[in-house]
Protein backbone atom coordinates (compact mmCIF):
# COMPACT_ATOMS: atom_id res chain seq x y z
CA MET A 1 -16.49 -24.36 -5.39
CA ASN A 2 -20.33 -23.85 -7.43
CA GLU A 3 -20.01 -23.35 -10.88
CA LEU A 4 -20.91 -19.96 -11.55
CA SER A 5 -23.64 -18.76 -14.74
CA LYS A 6 -22.52 -16.69 -17.88
CA GLU A 7 -24.19 -13.26 -16.32
CA GLU A 8 -21.94 -14.39 -12.80
CA LYS A 9 -18.72 -15.13 -14.45
CA GLU A 10 -19.27 -11.65 -16.56
CA LYS A 11 -19.65 -9.76 -13.40
CA PHE A 12 -16.61 -11.52 -11.81
CA GLU A 13 -14.77 -10.36 -14.45
CA ALA A 14 -16.20 -7.15 -14.18
CA LEU A 15 -15.36 -6.43 -10.68
CA PHE A 16 -11.76 -8.04 -11.51
CA ARG A 17 -11.06 -5.28 -14.00
CA THR A 18 -12.47 -2.81 -11.52
CA MET A 19 -11.34 -3.76 -7.96
CA TYR A 20 -8.56 -5.91 -8.33
CA PRO A 21 -5.99 -2.42 -8.60
CA LYS A 22 -7.62 -1.15 -6.15
CA VAL A 23 -7.53 -4.45 -3.67
CA LYS A 24 -3.46 -4.43 -4.63
CA ALA A 25 -2.59 -0.60 -4.33
CA PHE A 26 -4.35 -0.59 -1.30
CA ALA A 27 -1.69 -3.92 0.19
CA ALA A 28 0.96 -2.07 -1.68
CA LYS A 29 0.51 1.08 0.69
CA ILE A 30 0.41 -1.43 3.64
CA LEU A 31 2.81 -3.71 3.24
CA GLN A 32 5.69 -1.88 1.02
CA SER A 33 5.84 -4.78 -1.31
CA GLU A 34 4.20 -5.30 -4.58
CA ASP A 35 5.03 -8.76 -4.55
CA ASP A 36 3.52 -9.35 -1.49
CA ALA A 37 0.33 -7.14 -2.46
CA GLU A 38 -0.27 -9.10 -5.49
CA ASP A 39 -0.05 -12.10 -3.81
CA ILE A 40 -2.80 -10.63 -1.44
CA ALA A 41 -4.62 -9.31 -4.30
CA GLU A 42 -4.98 -13.01 -5.84
CA ASP A 43 -5.97 -14.44 -2.53
CA ILE A 44 -9.14 -12.06 -2.22
CA PHE A 45 -10.10 -12.25 -5.48
CA VAL A 46 -9.67 -16.30 -5.21
CA LYS A 47 -11.86 -16.30 -2.34
CA LEU A 48 -14.75 -13.85 -3.70
CA LEU A 49 -14.82 -16.64 -6.71
CA ASN A 50 -15.72 -19.26 -4.40
CA ASP A 51 -18.29 -17.09 -2.58
CA PHE A 52 -20.09 -15.10 -5.32
CA GLN A 53 -23.15 -14.48 -2.73
CA ALA A 54 -20.92 -12.23 -0.63
CA TRP A 55 -19.96 -9.83 -3.19
CA GLU A 56 -23.20 -10.11 -5.04
CA ASN A 57 -25.06 -7.21 -3.31
CA PRO A 58 -23.13 -3.58 -4.88
CA GLU A 59 -24.00 -1.24 -1.36
CA THR A 60 -21.56 -3.68 0.77
CA ARG A 61 -19.65 -5.14 -2.45
CA ASN A 62 -16.38 -2.33 -1.74
CA SER A 63 -16.28 -2.40 2.36
CA PHE A 64 -16.51 -6.43 2.07
CA ILE A 65 -13.80 -6.15 -0.28
CA TYR A 66 -11.81 -3.98 1.73
CA THR A 67 -12.48 -5.64 5.42
CA LEU A 68 -11.81 -8.67 3.61
CA THR A 69 -8.12 -7.43 2.21
CA ARG A 70 -7.48 -5.57 5.75
CA ASN A 71 -8.54 -8.78 7.83
CA HIS A 72 -5.94 -10.67 5.28
CA ILE A 73 -3.18 -8.24 5.64
CA PHE A 74 -3.26 -8.15 9.10
CA ASN A 75 -3.22 -12.00 9.28
CA PHE A 76 -0.60 -11.99 6.45
CA LEU A 77 1.83 -9.69 8.68
CA LYS A 78 1.32 -11.96 11.77
CA HIS A 79 2.31 -14.70 10.38
CA LYS A 80 5.08 -13.15 8.44
CA ALA A 81 6.25 -12.03 12.05
CA ILE A 82 6.17 -15.54 13.53
CA GLU A 83 8.37 -16.70 10.42
CA GLN A 84 10.78 -13.91 10.91
CA LYS A 85 10.49 -15.13 15.52
CA PHE A 86 11.38 -18.20 13.87
CA GLN A 87 13.80 -17.58 11.88
CA ALA A 88 15.82 -15.25 14.83
CA GLU A 89 15.27 -17.77 17.52
CA LYS A 90 16.74 -20.45 15.20
CA GLU A 91 19.70 -18.94 14.20
CA ILE A 92 20.58 -18.21 17.85
CA ASN A 93 19.08 -18.83 21.46
CA LEU A 94 19.38 -15.18 22.65
CA SER A 95 17.22 -16.11 26.23
CA ASP A 96 20.72 -18.21 26.93
CA TYR A 97 22.80 -13.88 27.02
CA TYR A 98 18.90 -12.08 28.12
CA GLU A 99 15.97 -11.94 29.64
CA GLU A 100 12.74 -12.73 27.46
CA SER A 101 11.39 -9.47 27.54
CA GLU A 102 14.44 -7.67 26.43
CA ILE A 103 14.53 -9.70 23.55
CA HIS A 104 10.97 -8.80 22.48
CA ASN A 105 11.46 -5.42 23.18
CA SER A 106 14.43 -5.14 21.34
CA LEU A 107 13.19 -6.99 18.64
CA TYR A 108 9.79 -4.60 18.67
CA ALA A 109 12.44 -1.57 18.97
CA LYS A 110 14.25 -2.98 15.53
CA GLU A 111 11.29 -4.02 13.94
CA LEU A 112 9.67 -0.50 14.06
CA LYS A 113 12.57 1.46 13.58
CA LEU A 114 12.70 -0.39 10.50
CA LEU A 115 9.41 0.34 9.44
CA VAL A 116 9.93 3.47 9.86
CA GLU A 117 13.11 3.97 8.07
CA LEU A 118 11.39 2.48 4.96
CA THR A 119 8.04 4.80 5.30
CA ILE A 120 10.42 7.45 5.45
CA LYS A 121 12.35 5.96 2.40
CA ASN A 122 8.81 5.63 0.64
CA MET A 123 7.84 8.84 0.52
CA PRO A 124 7.99 11.37 -2.05
CA GLU A 125 11.17 12.97 -2.77
CA GLN A 126 10.53 16.95 -1.69
CA ARG A 127 8.62 15.51 1.66
CA ARG A 128 11.19 12.58 2.34
CA LYS A 129 14.04 15.63 2.16
CA ILE A 130 12.06 18.32 4.21
CA PHE A 131 11.59 15.79 6.72
CA VAL A 132 14.98 14.48 6.70
CA MET A 133 16.15 18.54 7.06
CA SER A 134 13.42 19.22 9.92
CA ARG A 135 13.95 15.91 12.26
CA PHE A 136 17.18 14.96 11.45
CA GLN A 137 19.01 17.65 10.78
CA LYS A 138 17.16 20.02 13.38
CA LYS A 139 16.19 22.95 10.73
CA THR A 140 13.86 24.92 10.75
CA HIS A 141 10.79 25.41 9.10
CA ALA A 142 12.04 28.92 8.05
CA GLU A 143 15.32 26.99 6.91
CA ILE A 144 14.05 24.62 5.14
CA ALA A 145 11.62 27.01 3.38
CA GLU A 146 14.80 29.53 2.31
CA GLU A 147 17.34 26.97 1.49
CA LEU A 148 14.97 24.76 -0.86
CA ASP A 149 12.79 28.17 -2.22
CA LEU A 150 9.39 26.97 -1.08
CA SER A 151 7.00 29.07 1.05
CA VAL A 152 7.16 28.06 5.05
CA ARG A 153 3.59 26.63 4.97
CA THR A 154 4.66 24.33 2.44
CA VAL A 155 6.90 23.17 4.12
CA GLU A 156 4.72 22.60 7.35
CA ARG A 157 2.54 20.67 5.27
CA HIS A 158 5.09 18.50 4.33
CA VAL A 159 5.85 17.75 7.79
CA TYR A 160 2.60 17.56 8.92
CA LEU A 161 1.87 14.93 5.87
CA ALA A 162 5.28 12.78 6.68
CA LEU A 163 4.49 12.75 10.57
CA LYS A 164 0.66 11.64 9.60
CA GLU A 165 2.16 8.60 7.72
CA LEU A 166 4.40 7.49 10.01
CA LYS A 167 2.12 7.72 12.80
CA LYS A 168 -0.34 5.64 10.61
CA VAL A 169 2.54 3.04 10.14
CA ILE A 170 3.53 3.16 13.70
CA SER A 171 -0.29 2.72 14.91
CA MET A 172 -1.17 -0.06 12.79
CA PHE A 173 2.76 -1.66 14.23
CA MET A 174 1.38 -1.24 17.95
CA LEU A 175 -2.05 -2.45 16.60
CA LEU A 176 -0.38 -5.68 15.01
CA CYS A 177 2.12 -6.18 18.18
CA SER A 178 -0.55 -6.21 20.47
CA LEU A 179 -2.63 -8.66 18.89
């Protein structure tokens, strides 16, 4: 690590105060874990502290930091998936009972189901309630609107936002599974 000048330290401190909460929030949104997000954010700023030239340019600083964060999160998730897979295989060797592809499909399905459940659980209360009524209780938008004393348009908007959020999470999961 190169020793930073006083001016560089001041720039880093200002960057840290400005960007740390944003980096942490970005990681928390994806990881759904404050602790993991905090670890990721700390790792990012340790890397930035060690490489002043990488974030020195104000025109590319934010995109560089978010790209660095995104890549770090992907690596973290891949590592976590490998650890979970290892733990699962260590506990019981299911390949004695099932074909390997069946195990992978089953694990992916369970992980995806858990991810969808967590995403729904972490939705704002009103959106979660409307989404559950729409998709799990099979109520129409009009029925939900009447029951919750909302406009049909509001119900449609909440369902749209819930589906959009789920699509984003599922797409990221599929991307990570294909790596």
